[in-house]
């Protein structure tokens, strides 16, 4: 009886598995620095052997046209992505795996809060929150083969506002190495200040326009800047505020430009966006984390930086 009930409950999900269009705005909206091109909602219960939920990071390999989606429980999903005429033409699941430690064992739950991903050569680097903030290195079989060195100030979880407010962002940039940033300002900093780090230490810092905006991911634009994704819970509307900014890398102070802000309170059909990746010339995808929650969605949005 229990199995029958489960089948009946999951049948609508299985039958509607795939990708469908999503209307991001209720009416036409234009932004000075960004053009939103396409939006999809992803309906998958399982891909391979792994449940599809909680996507927190994206990475795109342009050579193989592979889109990596990482969830916040160390599950990695691979998709074949096709962008055509600045639209998401095809998104096909390829495989899934669960990231494992160097001994081939799955991480304990308290070790598995994976939040950022970056591909360098044939290796994948993943940033982790929790009691032991770190950047782990994985091969294509999802097995850990090492770790990237983390700036000393970021190694101790007690320097963060909390264990769950640490390393969400990760991106490799030539000349800098792997860049990362705490989600919020560190414990001894004033609210609203963000620092970008590489393995040596702080690269640059900036003051955010909103102290409550969390820096959840960034992607290099190949022109000396990071396209960064910020998120804030909007309790008044029971929704979110999403901000996209350009961070110009420089020594000392980063120059920041606001590109676009989306608000649930203004009718924007947004969700808990956490990941960003570059998929073409000035083209980017962002993805939302559904928190393994029936009332939230995994949204994939394509936009162009003008």
C-alpha atoms as a PDB file:
ATOM      1  CA  UNK A   1       0.000   0.000   0.000  1.00  0.00           C
ATOM      2  CA  UNK A   2       2.817   2.382   0.858  1.00  0.00           C
ATOM      3  CA  UNK A   3       4.535   1.712  -2.475  1.00  0.00           C
ATOM      4  CA  UNK A   4       1.267   2.236  -4.347  1.00  0.00           C
ATOM      5  CA  UNK A   5       0.702   5.560  -2.596  1.00  0.00           C
ATOM      6  CA  UNK A   6       4.243   6.659  -3.498  1.00  0.00           C
ATOM      7  CA  UNK A   7       3.721   5.746  -7.161  1.00  0.00           C
ATOM      8  CA  UNK A   8       0.432   7.667  -7.287  1.00  0.00           C
ATOM      9  CA  UNK A   9       2.059  10.691  -5.635  1.00  0.00           C
ATOM     10  CA  UNK A  10       5.088  10.705  -7.951  1.00  0.00           C
ATOM     11  CA  UNK A  11       3.274   9.887 -11.205  1.00  0.00           C
ATOM     12  CA  UNK A  12       2.397  13.524 -12.103  1.00  0.00           C
ATOM     13  CA  UNK A  13       5.990  14.560 -11.440  1.00  0.00           C
ATOM     14  CA  UNK A  14       7.404  11.755 -13.582  1.00  0.00           C
ATOM     15  CA  UNK A  15       4.983  12.420 -16.448  1.00  0.00           C
ATOM     16  CA  UNK A  16       5.842  16.124 -16.467  1.00  0.00           C
ATOM     17  CA  UNK A  17       9.595  15.553 -16.196  1.00  0.00           C
ATOM     18  CA  UNK A  18      11.612  17.926 -18.361  1.00  0.00           C
ATOM     19  CA  UNK A  19      11.812  21.641 -19.116  1.00  0.00           C
ATOM     20  CA  UNK A  20       9.036  24.153 -19.734  1.00  0.00           C
ATOM     21  CA  UNK A  21       8.816  27.882 -20.371  1.00  0.00           C
ATOM     22  CA  UNK A  22       8.611  30.308 -17.449  1.00  0.00           C
ATOM     23  CA  UNK A  23       7.281  33.860 -17.547  1.00  0.00           C
ATOM     24  CA  UNK A  24       9.723  35.908 -15.539  1.00  0.00           C
ATOM     25  CA  UNK A  25       7.880  39.231 -15.851  1.00  0.00           C
ATOM     26  CA  UNK A  26       4.160  39.917 -15.962  1.00  0.00           C
ATOM     27  CA  UNK A  27       4.794  42.772 -18.403  1.00  0.00           C
ATOM     28  CA  UNK A  28       7.660  43.875 -20.620  1.00  0.00           C
ATOM     29  CA  UNK A  29      10.631  45.159 -18.620  1.00  0.00           C
ATOM     30  CA  UNK A  30      13.769  46.804 -19.885  1.00  0.00           C
ATOM     31  CA  UNK A  31      17.079  47.351 -18.095  1.00  0.00           C
ATOM     32  CA  UNK A  32      19.930  49.603 -19.123  1.00  0.00           C
ATOM     33  CA  UNK A  33      22.710  47.043 -18.687  1.00  0.00           C
ATOM     34  CA  UNK A  34      20.969  43.670 -19.031  1.00  0.00           C
ATOM     35  CA  UNK A  35      18.569  42.039 -21.453  1.00  0.00           C
ATOM     36  CA  UNK A  36      16.668  38.996 -20.155  1.00  0.00           C
ATOM     37  CA  UNK A  37      16.311  36.526 -23.018  1.00  0.00           C
ATOM     38  CA  UNK A  38      14.739  33.292 -21.816  1.00  0.00           C
ATOM     39  CA  UNK A  39      13.517  31.520 -18.688  1.00  0.00           C
ATOM     40  CA  UNK A  40      12.746  27.856 -18.019  1.00  0.00           C
ATOM     41  CA  UNK A  41      11.479  25.838 -15.096  1.00  0.00           C
ATOM     42  CA  UNK A  42      13.060  22.398 -14.626  1.00  0.00           C
ATOM     43  CA  UNK A  43      10.786  19.476 -13.693  1.00  0.00           C
ATOM     44  CA  UNK A  44      12.927  16.522 -12.730  1.00  0.00           C
ATOM     45  CA  UNK A  45      12.445  14.165  -9.813  1.00  0.00           C
ATOM     46  CA  UNK A  46      15.535  12.066 -10.482  1.00  0.00           C
ATOM     47  CA  UNK A  47      18.455  12.186 -12.902  1.00  0.00           C
ATOM     48  CA  UNK A  48      20.281   8.879 -12.977  1.00  0.00           C
ATOM     49  CA  UNK A  49      20.345   7.577  -9.416  1.00  0.00           C
ATOM     50  CA  UNK A  50      20.234  10.973  -7.728  1.00  0.00           C
ATOM     51  CA  UNK A  51      17.268  13.084  -6.695  1.00  0.00           C
ATOM     52  CA  UNK A  52      17.296  16.441  -8.461  1.00  0.00           C
ATOM     53  CA  UNK A  53      16.887  19.299  -5.984  1.00  0.00           C
ATOM     54  CA  UNK A  54      18.613  22.216  -4.264  1.00  0.00           C
ATOM     55  CA  UNK A  55      20.778  23.486  -7.135  1.00  0.00           C
ATOM     56  CA  UNK A  56      23.271  25.981  -5.712  1.00  0.00           C
ATOM     57  CA  UNK A  57      25.894  26.434  -8.465  1.00  0.00           C
ATOM     58  CA  UNK A  58      26.466  26.265 -12.227  1.00  0.00           C
ATOM     59  CA  UNK A  59      29.506  25.713 -14.436  1.00  0.00           C
ATOM     60  CA  UNK A  60      29.614  25.527 -18.234  1.00  0.00           C
ATOM     61  CA  UNK A  61      32.229  23.756 -20.363  1.00  0.00           C
ATOM     62  CA  UNK A  62      31.992  25.400 -23.790  1.00  0.00           C
ATOM     63  CA  UNK A  63      34.194  22.752 -25.470  1.00  0.00           C
ATOM     64  CA  UNK A  64      31.834  19.891 -24.655  1.00  0.00           C
ATOM     65  CA  UNK A  65      28.680  22.044 -24.294  1.00  0.00           C
ATOM     66  CA  UNK A  66      28.233  20.494 -20.847  1.00  0.00           C
ATOM     67  CA  UNK A  67      26.350  22.360 -18.153  1.00  0.00           C
ATOM     68  CA  UNK A  68      27.217  21.235 -14.634  1.00  0.00           C
ATOM     69  CA  UNK A  69      24.628  21.741 -11.908  1.00  0.00           C
ATOM     70  CA  UNK A  70      25.725  21.268  -8.317  1.00  0.00           C
ATOM     71  CA  UNK A  71      23.315  20.948  -5.428  1.00  0.00           C
ATOM     72  CA  UNK A  72      23.963  21.776  -1.793  1.00  0.00           C
ATOM     73  CA  UNK A  73      24.264  18.116  -0.781  1.00  0.00           C
ATOM     74  CA  UNK A  74      27.282  17.210  -2.955  1.00  0.00           C
ATOM     75  CA  UNK A  75      25.237  15.908  -5.904  1.00  0.00           C
ATOM     76  CA  UNK A  76      26.517  16.808  -9.354  1.00  0.00           C
ATOM     77  CA  UNK A  77      24.306  16.757 -12.457  1.00  0.00           C
ATOM     78  CA  UNK A  78      25.499  17.011 -16.070  1.00  0.00           C
ATOM     79  CA  UNK A  79      23.370  18.383 -18.901  1.00  0.00           C
ATOM     80  CA  UNK A  80      23.917  18.913 -22.614  1.00  0.00           C
ATOM     81  CA  UNK A  81      23.108  22.574 -23.289  1.00  0.00           C
ATOM     82  CA  UNK A  82      22.301  24.156 -26.626  1.00  0.00           C
ATOM     83  CA  UNK A  83      21.876  27.929 -26.940  1.00  0.00           C
ATOM     84  CA  UNK A  84      20.487  29.061 -30.278  1.00  0.00           C
ATOM     85  CA  UNK A  85      19.399  32.571 -31.318  1.00  0.00           C
ATOM     86  CA  UNK A  86      19.955  33.628 -27.699  1.00  0.00           C
ATOM     87  CA  UNK A  87      17.409  31.103 -26.442  1.00  0.00           C
ATOM     88  CA  UNK A  88      17.727  27.880 -24.440  1.00  0.00           C
ATOM     89  CA  UNK A  89      17.108  25.531 -27.357  1.00  0.00           C
ATOM     90  CA  UNK A  90      17.884  22.249 -25.625  1.00  0.00           C
ATOM     91  CA  UNK A  91      18.712  21.085 -22.104  1.00  0.00           C
ATOM     92  CA  UNK A  92      19.166  17.320 -21.901  1.00  0.00           C
ATOM     93  CA  UNK A  93      20.211  15.418 -18.741  1.00  0.00           C
ATOM     94  CA  UNK A  94      23.333  13.290 -19.239  1.00  0.00           C
ATOM     95  CA  UNK A  95      24.289  11.865 -15.866  1.00  0.00           C
ATOM     96  CA  UNK A  96      24.507  12.403 -12.129  1.00  0.00           C
ATOM     97  CA  UNK A  97      26.851  11.414  -9.327  1.00  0.00           C
ATOM     98  CA  UNK A  98      27.450  12.018  -5.671  1.00  0.00           C
ATOM     99  CA  UNK A  99      30.799  13.573  -4.779  1.00  0.00           C
ATOM    100  CA  UNK A 100      33.045  11.270  -2.736  1.00  0.00           C
ATOM    101  CA  UNK A 101      36.108  11.757  -0.551  1.00  0.00           C
ATOM    102  CA  UNK A 102      39.597  10.502  -1.443  1.00  0.00           C
ATOM    103  CA  UNK A 103      38.732   7.059  -0.067  1.00  0.00           C
ATOM    104  CA  UNK A 104      35.694   6.778  -2.324  1.00  0.00           C
ATOM    105  CA  UNK A 105      33.216   7.269   0.526  1.00  0.00           C
ATOM    106  CA  UNK A 106      30.261   9.670   0.532  1.00  0.00           C
ATOM    107  CA  UNK A 107      30.594  12.753   2.704  1.00  0.00           C
ATOM    108  CA  UNK A 108      28.648  12.896   5.943  1.00  0.00           C
ATOM    109  CA  UNK A 109      25.743  15.360   5.792  1.00  0.00           C
ATOM    110  CA  UNK A 110      27.611  17.933   7.885  1.00  0.00           C
ATOM    111  CA  UNK A 111      30.516  17.766   5.398  1.00  0.00           C
ATOM    112  CA  UNK A 112      28.455  18.007   2.233  1.00  0.00           C
ATOM    113  CA  UNK A 113      27.212  21.632   2.042  1.00  0.00           C
ATOM    114  CA  UNK A 114      28.566  22.318  -1.456  1.00  0.00           C
ATOM    115  CA  UNK A 115      27.881  25.857  -2.718  1.00  0.00           C
ATOM    116  CA  UNK A 116      30.264  26.886  -5.517  1.00  0.00           C
ATOM    117  CA  UNK A 117      31.860  25.152  -8.510  1.00  0.00           C
ATOM    118  CA  UNK A 118      34.590  25.965 -11.021  1.00  0.00           C
ATOM    119  CA  UNK A 119      36.214  23.787 -13.696  1.00  0.00           C
ATOM    120  CA  UNK A 120      39.919  23.987 -14.370  1.00  0.00           C
ATOM    121  CA  UNK A 121      41.220  21.623 -17.032  1.00  0.00           C
ATOM    122  CA  UNK A 122      39.753  18.190 -16.303  1.00  0.00           C
ATOM    123  CA  UNK A 123      39.217  18.920 -12.610  1.00  0.00           C
ATOM    124  CA  UNK A 124      36.258  20.361 -10.743  1.00  0.00           C
ATOM    125  CA  UNK A 125      36.728  22.597  -7.714  1.00  0.00           C
ATOM    126  CA  UNK A 126      33.909  22.864  -5.193  1.00  0.00           C
ATOM    127  CA  UNK A 127      33.618  25.306  -2.287  1.00  0.00           C
ATOM    128  CA  UNK A 128      32.017  24.182   0.960  1.00  0.00           C
ATOM    129  CA  UNK A 129      30.299  25.870   3.875  1.00  0.00           C
ATOM    130  CA  UNK A 130      30.080  24.534   7.405  1.00  0.00           C
ATOM    131  CA  UNK A 131      32.432  23.870  10.278  1.00  0.00           C
ATOM    132  CA  UNK A 132      35.314  23.274   7.876  1.00  0.00           C
ATOM    133  CA  UNK A 133      35.101  25.823   5.020  1.00  0.00           C
ATOM    134  CA  UNK A 134      37.293  24.600   2.170  1.00  0.00           C
ATOM    135  CA  UNK A 135      37.703  24.122  -1.569  1.00  0.00           C
ATOM    136  CA  UNK A 136      37.907  20.469  -2.632  1.00  0.00           C
ATOM    137  CA  UNK A 137      39.282  19.211  -5.940  1.00  0.00           C
ATOM    138  CA  UNK A 138      37.496  16.383  -7.805  1.00  0.00           C
ATOM    139  CA  UNK A 139      38.170  14.311 -10.898  1.00  0.00           C
ATOM    140  CA  UNK A 140      35.536  13.579 -13.554  1.00  0.00           C
ATOM    141  CA  UNK A 141      34.495  10.448 -11.636  1.00  0.00           C
ATOM    142  CA  UNK A 142      33.419  12.697  -8.734  1.00  0.00           C
ATOM    143  CA  UNK A 143      36.212  11.478  -6.451  1.00  0.00           C
ATOM    144  CA  UNK A 144      38.212  13.963  -4.392  1.00  0.00           C
ATOM    145  CA  UNK A 145      41.836  14.134  -5.478  1.00  0.00           C
ATOM    146  CA  UNK A 146      43.015  17.099  -3.417  1.00  0.00           C
ATOM    147  CA  UNK A 147      42.241  20.526  -2.049  1.00  0.00           C
ATOM    148  CA  UNK A 148      42.921  24.082  -3.168  1.00  0.00           C
ATOM    149  CA  UNK A 149      44.743  26.308  -0.708  1.00  0.00           C
ATOM    150  CA  UNK A 150      42.430  28.729   1.054  1.00  0.00           C
ATOM    151  CA  UNK A 151      43.478  32.146   2.394  1.00  0.00           C
ATOM    152  CA  UNK A 152      44.240  31.804   6.107  1.00  0.00           C
ATOM    153  CA  UNK A 153      41.482  34.162   7.223  1.00  0.00           C
ATOM    154  CA  UNK A 154      38.873  31.992   5.494  1.00  0.00           C
ATOM    155  CA  UNK A 155      39.982  28.672   6.982  1.00  0.00           C
ATOM    156  CA  UNK A 156      38.418  29.196  10.430  1.00  0.00           C
ATOM    157  CA  UNK A 157      34.604  29.071  10.500  1.00  0.00           C
ATOM    158  CA  UNK A 158      34.624  31.309  13.581  1.00  0.00           C
ATOM    159  CA  UNK A 159      35.636  34.257  11.375  1.00  0.00           C
ATOM    160  CA  UNK A 160      32.275  34.109   9.540  1.00  0.00           C
ATOM    161  CA  UNK A 161      28.922  35.481  10.665  1.00  0.00           C
ATOM    162  CA  UNK A 162      27.833  31.836  10.933  1.00  0.00           C
ATOM    163  CA  UNK A 163      28.844  28.423   9.594  1.00  0.00           C
ATOM    164  CA  UNK A 164      26.152  28.755   6.931  1.00  0.00           C
ATOM    165  CA  UNK A 165      27.338  32.152   5.689  1.00  0.00           C
ATOM    166  CA  UNK A 166      30.716  31.342   4.261  1.00  0.00           C
ATOM    167  CA  UNK A 167      31.991  30.206   0.848  1.00  0.00           C
ATOM    168  CA  UNK A 168      29.168  30.418  -1.708  1.00  0.00           C
ATOM    169  CA  UNK A 169      31.166  31.891  -4.626  1.00  0.00           C
ATOM    170  CA  UNK A 170      33.929  30.239  -6.623  1.00  0.00           C
ATOM    171  CA  UNK A 171      35.529  31.119  -9.965  1.00  0.00           C
ATOM    172  CA  UNK A 172      38.901  30.619 -11.635  1.00  0.00           C
ATOM    173  CA  UNK A 173      40.407  33.777 -13.162  1.00  0.00           C
ATOM    174  CA  UNK A 174      43.729  33.773 -15.001  1.00  0.00           C
ATOM    175  CA  UNK A 175      46.305  35.805 -13.109  1.00  0.00           C
ATOM    176  CA  UNK A 176      44.408  35.465  -9.823  1.00  0.00           C
ATOM    177  CA  UNK A 177      43.744  31.724  -9.500  1.00  0.00           C
ATOM    178  CA  UNK A 178      40.605  30.549  -7.757  1.00  0.00           C
ATOM    179  CA  UNK A 179      38.578  33.456  -6.407  1.00  0.00           C
ATOM    180  CA  UNK A 180      36.055  33.103  -3.603  1.00  0.00           C
ATOM    181  CA  UNK A 181      34.133  35.330  -1.230  1.00  0.00           C
ATOM    182  CA  UNK A 182      32.139  34.966   1.989  1.00  0.00           C
ATOM    183  CA  UNK A 183      28.392  35.261   1.541  1.00  0.00           C
ATOM    184  CA  UNK A 184      28.267  38.176   4.007  1.00  0.00           C
ATOM    185  CA  UNK A 185      30.876  40.376   5.632  1.00  0.00           C
ATOM    186  CA  UNK A 186      33.117  38.609   8.140  1.00  0.00           C
ATOM    187  CA  UNK A 187      32.345  38.713  11.838  1.00  0.00           C
ATOM    188  CA  UNK A 188      34.669  41.626  12.662  1.00  0.00           C
ATOM    189  CA  UNK A 189      33.639  43.683   9.617  1.00  0.00           C
ATOM    190  CA  UNK A 190      30.815  46.172   9.332  1.00  0.00           C
ATOM    191  CA  UNK A 191      27.690  44.846   7.624  1.00  0.00           C
ATOM    192  CA  UNK A 192      27.594  45.266   3.860  1.00  0.00           C
ATOM    193  CA  UNK A 193      31.333  44.957   3.208  1.00  0.00           C
ATOM    194  CA  UNK A 194      32.476  42.184   0.867  1.00  0.00           C
ATOM    195  CA  UNK A 195      35.992  40.937   0.159  1.00  0.00           C
ATOM    196  CA  UNK A 196      37.189  38.927  -2.853  1.00  0.00           C
ATOM    197  CA  UNK A 197      39.968  36.450  -1.981  1.00  0.00           C
ATOM    198  CA  UNK A 198      42.422  34.215  -3.752  1.00  0.00           C
ATOM    199  CA  UNK A 199      44.837  31.768  -2.097  1.00  0.00           C
ATOM    200  CA  UNK A 200      47.202  34.589  -1.101  1.00  0.00           C
ATOM    201  CA  UNK A 201      44.582  36.686   0.667  1.00  0.00           C
ATOM    202  CA  UNK A 202      42.326  39.616  -0.080  1.00  0.00           C
ATOM    203  CA  UNK A 203      42.288  40.819  -3.699  1.00  0.00           C
ATOM    204  CA  UNK A 204      39.864  43.713  -3.310  1.00  0.00           C
ATOM    205  CA  UNK A 205      36.799  44.784  -1.341  1.00  0.00           C
ATOM    206  CA  UNK A 206      33.663  46.872  -1.753  1.00  0.00           C
ATOM    207  CA  UNK A 207      30.697  48.238   0.168  1.00  0.00           C
ATOM    208  CA  UNK A 208      27.345  46.907  -0.967  1.00  0.00           C
ATOM    209  CA  UNK A 209      24.397  49.212  -1.565  1.00  0.00           C
ATOM    210  CA  UNK A 210      22.236  47.009   0.694  1.00  0.00           C
ATOM    211  CA  UNK A 211      23.733  45.561   3.881  1.00  0.00           C
ATOM    212  CA  UNK A 212      21.425  42.545   3.762  1.00  0.00           C
ATOM    213  CA  UNK A 213      22.285  41.400   0.237  1.00  0.00           C
ATOM    214  CA  UNK A 214      24.189  38.103   0.249  1.00  0.00           C
ATOM    215  CA  UNK A 215      26.872  37.455  -2.381  1.00  0.00           C
ATOM    216  CA  UNK A 216      25.937  33.981  -3.624  1.00  0.00           C
ATOM    217  CA  UNK A 217      28.039  33.502  -6.776  1.00  0.00           C
ATOM    218  CA  UNK A 218      30.085  35.220  -9.469  1.00  0.00           C
ATOM    219  CA  UNK A 219      31.439  34.511 -12.943  1.00  0.00           C
ATOM    220  CA  UNK A 220      34.341  36.082 -14.867  1.00  0.00           C
ATOM    221  CA  UNK A 221      33.386  38.099 -17.954  1.00  0.00           C
ATOM    222  CA  UNK A 222      36.844  37.768 -19.620  1.00  0.00           C
ATOM    223  CA  UNK A 223      37.218  41.578 -19.492  1.00  0.00           C
ATOM    224  CA  UNK A 224      38.566  42.073 -15.971  1.00  0.00           C
ATOM    225  CA  UNK A 225      35.265  41.958 -14.099  1.00  0.00           C
ATOM    226  CA  UNK A 226      33.063  39.525 -12.242  1.00  0.00           C
ATOM    227  CA  UNK A 227      29.345  39.341 -12.970  1.00  0.00           C
ATOM    228  CA  UNK A 228      28.013  38.751  -9.465  1.00  0.00           C
ATOM    229  CA  UNK A 229      24.712  37.444  -8.154  1.00  0.00           C
ATOM    230  CA  UNK A 230      23.233  38.743  -4.899  1.00  0.00           C
ATOM    231  CA  UNK A 231      20.141  37.586  -3.020  1.00  0.00           C
ATOM    232  CA  UNK A 232      18.007  38.756  -0.122  1.00  0.00           C
ATOM    233  CA  UNK A 233      14.869  37.400   1.501  1.00  0.00           C
ATOM    234  CA  UNK A 234      12.043  39.915   1.252  1.00  0.00           C
ATOM    235  CA  UNK A 235       9.851  39.192   4.252  1.00  0.00           C
ATOM    236  CA  UNK A 236       7.297  41.849   3.293  1.00  0.00           C
ATOM    237  CA  UNK A 237       6.381  40.009   0.076  1.00  0.00           C
ATOM    238  CA  UNK A 238       7.367  36.542   1.315  1.00  0.00           C
ATOM    239  CA  UNK A 239       9.670  36.475  -1.693  1.00  0.00           C
ATOM    240  CA  UNK A 240      13.118  37.553  -2.821  1.00  0.00           C
ATOM    241  CA  UNK A 241      15.191  40.466  -4.040  1.00  0.00           C
ATOM    242  CA  UNK A 242      17.789  39.472  -6.644  1.00  0.00           C
ATOM    243  CA  UNK A 243      20.556  41.844  -7.688  1.00  0.00           C
ATOM    244  CA  UNK A 244      23.099  41.404 -10.492  1.00  0.00           C
ATOM    245  CA  UNK A 245      26.233  43.563 -10.338  1.00  0.00           C
ATOM    246  CA  UNK A 246      29.520  43.965 -12.183  1.00  0.00           C
ATOM    247  CA  UNK A 247      32.607  43.925  -9.944  1.00  0.00           C
ATOM    248  CA  UNK A 248      35.711  45.338 -11.583  1.00  0.00           C
ATOM    249  CA  UNK A 249      38.756  43.516 -10.190  1.00  0.00           C
ATOM    250  CA  UNK A 250      41.531  45.813  -9.003  1.00  0.00           C
ATOM    251  CA  UNK A 251      44.012  46.044  -6.172  1.00  0.00           C
ATOM    252  CA  UNK A 252      42.424  47.452  -3.022  1.00  0.00           C
ATOM    253  CA  UNK A 253      38.899  48.642  -3.820  1.00  0.00           C
ATOM    254  CA  UNK A 254      36.641  46.953  -6.372  1.00  0.00           C
ATOM    255  CA  UNK A 255      34.545  49.198  -8.596  1.00  0.00           C
ATOM    256  CA  UNK A 256      30.913  47.981  -8.560  1.00  0.00           C
ATOM    257  CA  UNK A 257      28.161  48.700 -11.101  1.00  0.00           C
ATOM    258  CA  UNK A 258      24.518  47.773 -10.545  1.00  0.00           C
ATOM    259  CA  UNK A 259      23.176  45.946 -13.606  1.00  0.00           C
ATOM    260  CA  UNK A 260      19.668  44.876 -12.594  1.00  0.00           C
ATOM    261  CA  UNK A 261      17.466  44.293  -9.557  1.00  0.00           C
ATOM    262  CA  UNK A 262      14.446  41.982  -9.526  1.00  0.00           C
ATOM    263  CA  UNK A 263      11.837  41.946  -6.759  1.00  0.00           C
ATOM    264  CA  UNK A 264       9.034  39.562  -5.904  1.00  0.00           C
ATOM    265  CA  UNK A 265       7.151  42.535  -4.464  1.00  0.00           C
ATOM    266  CA  UNK A 266       7.042  44.095  -7.958  1.00  0.00           C
ATOM    267  CA  UNK A 267       5.543  40.986  -9.534  1.00  0.00           C
ATOM    268  CA  UNK A 268       8.815  39.506 -10.806  1.00  0.00           C
ATOM    269  CA  UNK A 269       8.452  35.693 -10.835  1.00  0.00           C
ATOM    270  CA  UNK A 270      11.813  35.002  -9.234  1.00  0.00           C
ATOM    271  CA  UNK A 271      13.020  32.466  -6.709  1.00  0.00           C
ATOM    272  CA  UNK A 272      16.069  31.697  -4.580  1.00  0.00           C
ATOM    273  CA  UNK A 273      18.756  32.294  -7.252  1.00  0.00           C
ATOM    274  CA  UNK A 274      22.183  31.036  -6.154  1.00  0.00           C
ATOM    275  CA  UNK A 275      24.307  30.108  -9.177  1.00  0.00           C
ATOM    276  CA  UNK A 276      25.657  31.815 -12.297  1.00  0.00           C
ATOM    277  CA  UNK A 277      27.791  30.757 -15.274  1.00  0.00           C
ATOM    278  CA  UNK A 278      28.907  32.209 -18.625  1.00  0.00           C
ATOM    279  CA  UNK A 279      27.569  30.318 -21.668  1.00  0.00           C
ATOM    280  CA  UNK A 280      28.571  32.576 -24.565  1.00  0.00           C
ATOM    281  CA  UNK A 281      29.731  36.057 -25.506  1.00  0.00           C
ATOM    282  CA  UNK A 282      28.107  38.305 -22.866  1.00  0.00           C
ATOM    283  CA  UNK A 283      25.573  35.507 -22.190  1.00  0.00           C
ATOM    284  CA  UNK A 284      24.940  34.131 -18.701  1.00  0.00           C
ATOM    285  CA  UNK A 285      22.683  31.626 -16.979  1.00  0.00           C
ATOM    286  CA  UNK A 286      21.464  31.886 -13.396  1.00  0.00           C
ATOM    287  CA  UNK A 287      19.736  29.101 -11.474  1.00  0.00           C
ATOM    288  CA  UNK A 288      17.530  28.994  -8.381  1.00  0.00           C
ATOM    289  CA  UNK A 289      17.607  26.600  -5.433  1.00  0.00           C
ATOM    290  CA  UNK A 290      14.201  25.051  -4.746  1.00  0.00           C
ATOM    291  CA  UNK A 291      15.295  24.076  -1.201  1.00  0.00           C
ATOM    292  CA  UNK A 292      13.804  20.617  -1.850  1.00  0.00           C
ATOM    293  CA  UNK A 293      10.469  22.349  -1.370  1.00  0.00           C
ATOM    294  CA  UNK A 294       7.243  21.709  -3.307  1.00  0.00           C
ATOM    295  CA  UNK A 295       6.393  25.436  -3.235  1.00  0.00           C
ATOM    296  CA  UNK A 296       9.664  26.605  -4.841  1.00  0.00           C
ATOM    297  CA  UNK A 297      11.105  26.040  -8.307  1.00  0.00           C
ATOM    298  CA  UNK A 298      14.345  25.295 -10.071  1.00  0.00           C
ATOM    299  CA  UNK A 299      14.457  28.194 -12.535  1.00  0.00           C
ATOM    300  CA  UNK A 300      17.043  28.674 -15.269  1.00  0.00           C
ATOM    301  CA  UNK A 301      17.278  32.197 -16.690  1.00  0.00           C
ATOM    302  CA  UNK A 302      19.351  33.358 -19.657  1.00  0.00           C
ATOM    303  CA  UNK A 303      20.426  37.002 -19.955  1.00  0.00           C
ATOM    304  CA  UNK A 304      22.832  39.173 -21.880  1.00  0.00           C
ATOM    305  CA  UNK A 305      25.063  41.863 -20.401  1.00  0.00           C
ATOM    306  CA  UNK A 306      24.870  44.875 -22.720  1.00  0.00           C
END
